[in-house]
Amino acid sequence: MRIERDPSGDFILESGEIADRFGLSRDDFRQRIRQGLVASRVERGEAEDAGTSRLSIRLGNRLWQAILSNEDEVQSETVTFVRGQGQVHRSGDRKG
């Protein structure tokens, strides 16, 4: 997966690649974005993780997360299923 940054430093992800992670077509994924059903978050690493980032995208009960190196390269990614309030069930790991 290729992740870039725009001039202001925000991450840019290819919607087709993210849609694939959720088992959707690009059009279906974009429709869910327009409906406000997709949430995202960026967390910056601290201490020994300084310079790294964790990107999270949630769609319903599914959560995709990627850990990026300080060069913005995907080190690992996972898709998990969220149960209830914050409980997470891991469905598999993918390497960048």
N, C-alpha and C. Protein backbone atom coordinates (compact mmCIF):
# COMPACT_ATOMS: atom_id res chain seq x y z
N MET A 1 0.85 -1.18 0.00
CA MET A 1 0.00 0.00 0.00
C MET A 1 0.89 1.24 0.00
N ARG A 2 0.51 2.19 -0.82
CA ARG A 2 1.25 3.44 -0.91
C ARG A 2 0.50 4.53 -0.15
N ILE A 3 1.20 5.20 0.74
CA ILE A 3 0.63 6.30 1.50
C ILE A 3 1.51 7.51 1.29
N GLU A 4 0.89 8.61 0.89
CA GLU A 4 1.62 9.85 0.64
C GLU A 4 1.12 10.93 1.57
N ARG A 5 1.75 12.10 1.48
CA ARG A 5 1.30 13.26 2.25
C ARG A 5 1.07 14.42 1.30
N ASP A 6 0.07 15.24 1.65
CA ASP A 6 -0.17 16.44 0.86
C ASP A 6 0.76 17.55 1.36
N PRO A 7 0.76 18.72 0.73
CA PRO A 7 1.67 19.81 1.13
C PRO A 7 1.54 20.24 2.59
N SER A 8 0.36 20.05 3.18
CA SER A 8 0.18 20.43 4.59
C SER A 8 0.58 19.32 5.56
N GLY A 9 1.00 18.15 5.03
CA GLY A 9 1.45 17.05 5.88
C GLY A 9 0.39 16.02 6.19
N ASP A 10 -0.85 16.21 5.69
CA ASP A 10 -1.91 15.23 5.92
C ASP A 10 -1.68 14.00 5.05
N PHE A 11 -2.07 12.83 5.56
CA PHE A 11 -1.91 11.58 4.84
C PHE A 11 -2.94 11.47 3.71
N ILE A 12 -2.51 10.90 2.58
CA ILE A 12 -3.37 10.65 1.44
C ILE A 12 -3.35 9.15 1.18
N LEU A 13 -4.55 8.54 1.22
CA LEU A 13 -4.67 7.11 0.96
C LEU A 13 -5.52 6.89 -0.28
N GLU A 14 -5.19 5.88 -1.05
CA GLU A 14 -5.94 5.52 -2.26
C GLU A 14 -7.23 4.83 -1.82
N SER A 15 -8.38 5.42 -2.16
CA SER A 15 -9.66 4.89 -1.68
C SER A 15 -9.92 3.46 -2.15
N GLY A 16 -9.44 3.10 -3.34
CA GLY A 16 -9.63 1.74 -3.83
C GLY A 16 -8.91 0.71 -2.97
N GLU A 17 -7.71 1.07 -2.50
CA GLU A 17 -6.96 0.14 -1.65
C GLU A 17 -7.64 -0.03 -0.29
N ILE A 18 -8.12 1.06 0.28
CA ILE A 18 -8.82 0.96 1.57
C ILE A 18 -10.13 0.20 1.39
N ALA A 19 -10.85 0.49 0.30
CA ALA A 19 -12.11 -0.22 0.03
C ALA A 19 -11.86 -1.72 -0.02
N ASP A 20 -10.77 -2.12 -0.66
CA ASP A 20 -10.42 -3.54 -0.75
C ASP A 20 -10.22 -4.15 0.63
N ARG A 21 -9.62 -3.41 1.54
CA ARG A 21 -9.39 -3.92 2.90
C ARG A 21 -10.71 -4.22 3.59
N PHE A 22 -11.76 -3.46 3.25
CA PHE A 22 -13.08 -3.66 3.85
C PHE A 22 -13.97 -4.58 3.00
N GLY A 23 -13.46 -5.09 1.90
CA GLY A 23 -14.23 -5.98 1.04
C GLY A 23 -15.29 -5.26 0.23
N LEU A 24 -15.04 -3.99 -0.10
CA LEU A 24 -16.00 -3.18 -0.85
C LEU A 24 -15.40 -2.71 -2.16
N SER A 25 -16.26 -2.32 -3.08
CA SER A 25 -15.78 -1.65 -4.29
C SER A 25 -15.44 -0.20 -3.92
N ARG A 26 -14.66 0.44 -4.77
CA ARG A 26 -14.30 1.85 -4.53
C ARG A 26 -15.56 2.71 -4.45
N ASP A 27 -16.53 2.47 -5.36
CA ASP A 27 -17.76 3.26 -5.36
C ASP A 27 -18.57 3.06 -4.09
N ASP A 28 -18.67 1.80 -3.62
CA ASP A 28 -19.40 1.53 -2.37
C ASP A 28 -18.73 2.21 -1.18
N PHE A 29 -17.39 2.16 -1.15
CA PHE A 29 -16.66 2.80 -0.06
C PHE A 29 -16.88 4.31 -0.09
N ARG A 30 -16.77 4.92 -1.26
CA ARG A 30 -16.97 6.37 -1.37
C ARG A 30 -18.40 6.76 -0.98
N GLN A 31 -19.36 5.92 -1.30
CA GLN A 31 -20.75 6.19 -0.90
C GLN A 31 -20.85 6.21 0.63
N ARG A 32 -20.20 5.28 1.30
CA ARG A 32 -20.23 5.26 2.76
C ARG A 32 -19.53 6.47 3.36
N ILE A 33 -18.49 6.97 2.70
CA ILE A 33 -17.85 8.21 3.15
C ILE A 33 -18.85 9.35 3.07
N ARG A 34 -19.53 9.48 1.92
CA ARG A 34 -20.53 10.54 1.75
C ARG A 34 -21.66 10.44 2.77
N GLN A 35 -21.98 9.22 3.19
CA GLN A 35 -23.04 9.02 4.18
C GLN A 35 -22.55 9.27 5.61
N GLY A 36 -21.27 9.57 5.77
CA GLY A 36 -20.72 9.83 7.10
C GLY A 36 -20.48 8.58 7.92
N LEU A 37 -20.33 7.43 7.26
CA LEU A 37 -20.17 6.16 7.96
C LEU A 37 -18.72 5.75 8.17
N VAL A 38 -17.79 6.56 7.67
CA VAL A 38 -16.36 6.24 7.78
C VAL A 38 -15.70 7.27 8.68
N ALA A 39 -14.97 6.79 9.67
CA ALA A 39 -14.24 7.67 10.58
C ALA A 39 -12.76 7.33 10.52
N SER A 40 -11.91 8.34 10.65
CA SER A 40 -10.47 8.09 10.62
C SER A 40 -9.78 8.82 11.76
N ARG A 41 -8.57 8.32 12.07
CA ARG A 41 -7.78 8.93 13.15
C ARG A 41 -6.30 8.68 12.86
N VAL A 42 -5.48 9.66 13.22
CA VAL A 42 -4.02 9.54 13.12
C VAL A 42 -3.45 9.74 14.51
N GLU A 43 -2.58 8.82 14.92
CA GLU A 43 -1.91 8.93 16.21
C GLU A 43 -0.41 8.96 15.96
N ARG A 44 0.27 9.87 16.60
CA ARG A 44 1.72 10.02 16.46
C ARG A 44 2.41 9.25 17.58
N GLY A 45 3.48 8.54 17.22
CA GLY A 45 4.23 7.79 18.21
C GLY A 45 4.99 8.70 19.16
N GLU A 46 5.17 8.23 20.38
CA GLU A 46 5.91 8.97 21.40
C GLU A 46 7.02 8.09 21.96
N ALA A 47 7.95 8.71 22.66
CA ALA A 47 9.07 8.01 23.30
C ALA A 47 9.80 7.13 22.27
N GLU A 48 9.88 5.81 22.52
CA GLU A 48 10.62 4.94 21.59
C GLU A 48 9.91 4.79 20.24
N ASP A 49 8.65 5.19 20.16
CA ASP A 49 7.90 5.15 18.90
C ASP A 49 7.87 6.50 18.18
N ALA A 50 8.64 7.46 18.67
CA ALA A 50 8.65 8.80 18.06
C ALA A 50 8.99 8.70 16.57
N GLY A 51 8.27 9.46 15.78
CA GLY A 51 8.47 9.46 14.34
C GLY A 51 7.56 8.51 13.59
N THR A 52 6.94 7.58 14.30
CA THR A 52 6.02 6.64 13.65
C THR A 52 4.59 7.18 13.78
N SER A 53 3.69 6.59 13.03
CA SER A 53 2.28 6.97 13.08
C SER A 53 1.42 5.72 13.00
N ARG A 54 0.21 5.82 13.59
CA ARG A 54 -0.79 4.76 13.43
C ARG A 54 -2.00 5.41 12.78
N LEU A 55 -2.39 4.88 11.63
CA LEU A 55 -3.58 5.34 10.93
C LEU A 55 -4.70 4.35 11.20
N SER A 56 -5.88 4.86 11.52
CA SER A 56 -7.04 4.01 11.79
C SER A 56 -8.22 4.50 10.98
N ILE A 57 -8.92 3.57 10.35
CA ILE A 57 -10.16 3.87 9.63
C ILE A 57 -11.21 2.88 10.09
N ARG A 58 -12.33 3.43 10.56
CA ARG A 58 -13.41 2.57 11.06
C ARG A 58 -14.63 2.69 10.16
N LEU A 59 -15.20 1.55 9.84
CA LEU A 59 -16.43 1.46 9.06
C LEU A 59 -17.31 0.44 9.74
N GLY A 60 -18.36 0.91 10.39
CA GLY A 60 -19.24 0.00 11.14
C GLY A 60 -18.47 -0.69 12.25
N ASN A 61 -18.50 -2.02 12.24
CA ASN A 61 -17.80 -2.77 13.28
C ASN A 61 -16.41 -3.23 12.83
N ARG A 62 -15.92 -2.68 11.71
CA ARG A 62 -14.61 -3.06 11.19
C ARG A 62 -13.63 -1.90 11.36
N LEU A 63 -12.40 -2.24 11.71
CA LEU A 63 -11.35 -1.25 11.94
C LEU A 63 -10.09 -1.67 11.21
N TRP A 64 -9.62 -0.82 10.30
CA TRP A 64 -8.35 -1.03 9.62
C TRP A 64 -7.33 -0.13 10.28
N GLN A 65 -6.14 -0.68 10.61
CA GLN A 65 -5.06 0.11 11.19
C GLN A 65 -3.76 -0.22 10.49
N ALA A 66 -2.94 0.81 10.30
CA ALA A 66 -1.60 0.64 9.73
C ALA A 66 -0.61 1.38 10.61
N ILE A 67 0.53 0.75 10.82
CA ILE A 67 1.65 1.38 11.52
C ILE A 67 2.64 1.82 10.45
N LEU A 68 2.99 3.11 10.47
CA LEU A 68 3.92 3.67 9.50
C LEU A 68 5.26 3.97 10.14
N SER A 69 6.32 3.74 9.40
CA SER A 69 7.66 4.09 9.86
C SER A 69 7.83 5.61 9.81
N ASN A 70 8.97 6.09 10.26
CA ASN A 70 9.22 7.52 10.20
C ASN A 70 9.43 8.01 8.77
N GLU A 71 9.52 7.08 7.80
CA GLU A 71 9.57 7.44 6.37
C GLU A 71 8.20 7.25 5.71
N ASP A 72 7.15 7.07 6.54
CA ASP A 72 5.77 6.88 6.08
C ASP A 72 5.59 5.61 5.25
N GLU A 73 6.38 4.59 5.51
CA GLU A 73 6.21 3.29 4.87
C GLU A 73 5.40 2.40 5.80
N VAL A 74 4.46 1.63 5.23
CA VAL A 74 3.63 0.74 6.02
C VAL A 74 4.50 -0.39 6.57
N GLN A 75 4.55 -0.49 7.89
CA GLN A 75 5.29 -1.56 8.56
C GLN A 75 4.40 -2.77 8.81
N SER A 76 3.14 -2.50 9.12
CA SER A 76 2.16 -3.58 9.33
C SER A 76 0.78 -2.98 9.21
N GLU A 77 -0.20 -3.83 8.93
CA GLU A 77 -1.58 -3.40 8.91
C GLU A 77 -2.46 -4.56 9.35
N THR A 78 -3.59 -4.21 9.95
CA THR A 78 -4.54 -5.20 10.44
C THR A 78 -5.96 -4.75 10.13
N VAL A 79 -6.84 -5.70 10.02
CA VAL A 79 -8.27 -5.44 9.98
C VAL A 79 -8.85 -6.21 11.16
N THR A 80 -9.59 -5.49 11.99
CA THR A 80 -10.18 -6.11 13.17
C THR A 80 -11.67 -5.83 13.20
N PHE A 81 -12.37 -6.59 14.01
CA PHE A 81 -13.79 -6.37 14.24
C PHE A 81 -13.95 -5.84 15.65
N VAL A 82 -14.67 -4.74 15.77
CA VAL A 82 -14.87 -4.10 17.07
C VAL A 82 -16.17 -4.62 17.65
N ARG A 83 -16.09 -5.08 18.89
CA ARG A 83 -17.28 -5.58 19.59
C ARG A 83 -17.58 -4.65 20.75
N GLY A 84 -18.79 -4.19 20.85
CA GLY A 84 -19.21 -3.37 21.97
C GLY A 84 -18.40 -2.10 22.08
N GLN A 85 -18.11 -1.68 23.30
CA GLN A 85 -17.39 -0.45 23.57
C GLN A 85 -15.89 -0.68 23.62
N GLY A 86 -15.24 -0.61 22.47
CA GLY A 86 -13.79 -0.65 22.44
C GLY A 86 -13.14 -2.02 22.43
N GLN A 87 -13.90 -3.10 22.53
CA GLN A 87 -13.30 -4.42 22.45
C GLN A 87 -12.98 -4.72 21.00
N VAL A 88 -11.83 -5.31 20.77
CA VAL A 88 -11.40 -5.57 19.40
C VAL A 88 -11.08 -7.04 19.24
N HIS A 89 -11.53 -7.63 18.13
CA HIS A 89 -11.21 -9.01 17.77
C HIS A 89 -10.39 -8.97 16.49
N ARG A 90 -9.20 -9.51 16.50
CA ARG A 90 -8.31 -9.49 15.35
C ARG A 90 -8.68 -10.57 14.35
N SER A 91 -8.84 -10.17 13.08
CA SER A 91 -9.19 -11.13 12.05
C SER A 91 -8.01 -11.52 11.18
N GLY A 92 -6.91 -10.80 11.28
CA GLY A 92 -5.75 -11.15 10.48
C GLY A 92 -4.79 -10.00 10.36
N ASP A 93 -3.57 -10.29 10.08
CA ASP A 93 -2.54 -9.29 9.89
C ASP A 93 -2.10 -9.30 8.44
N ARG A 94 -1.69 -8.14 7.97
CA ARG A 94 -1.11 -8.00 6.64
C ARG A 94 0.18 -7.23 6.76
N LYS A 95 1.15 -7.62 6.03
CA LYS A 95 2.40 -6.86 5.98
C LYS A 95 2.36 -5.97 4.75
N GLY A 96 2.84 -4.70 4.94
CA GLY A 96 2.84 -3.66 3.94
C GLY A 96 3.24 -4.04 2.62
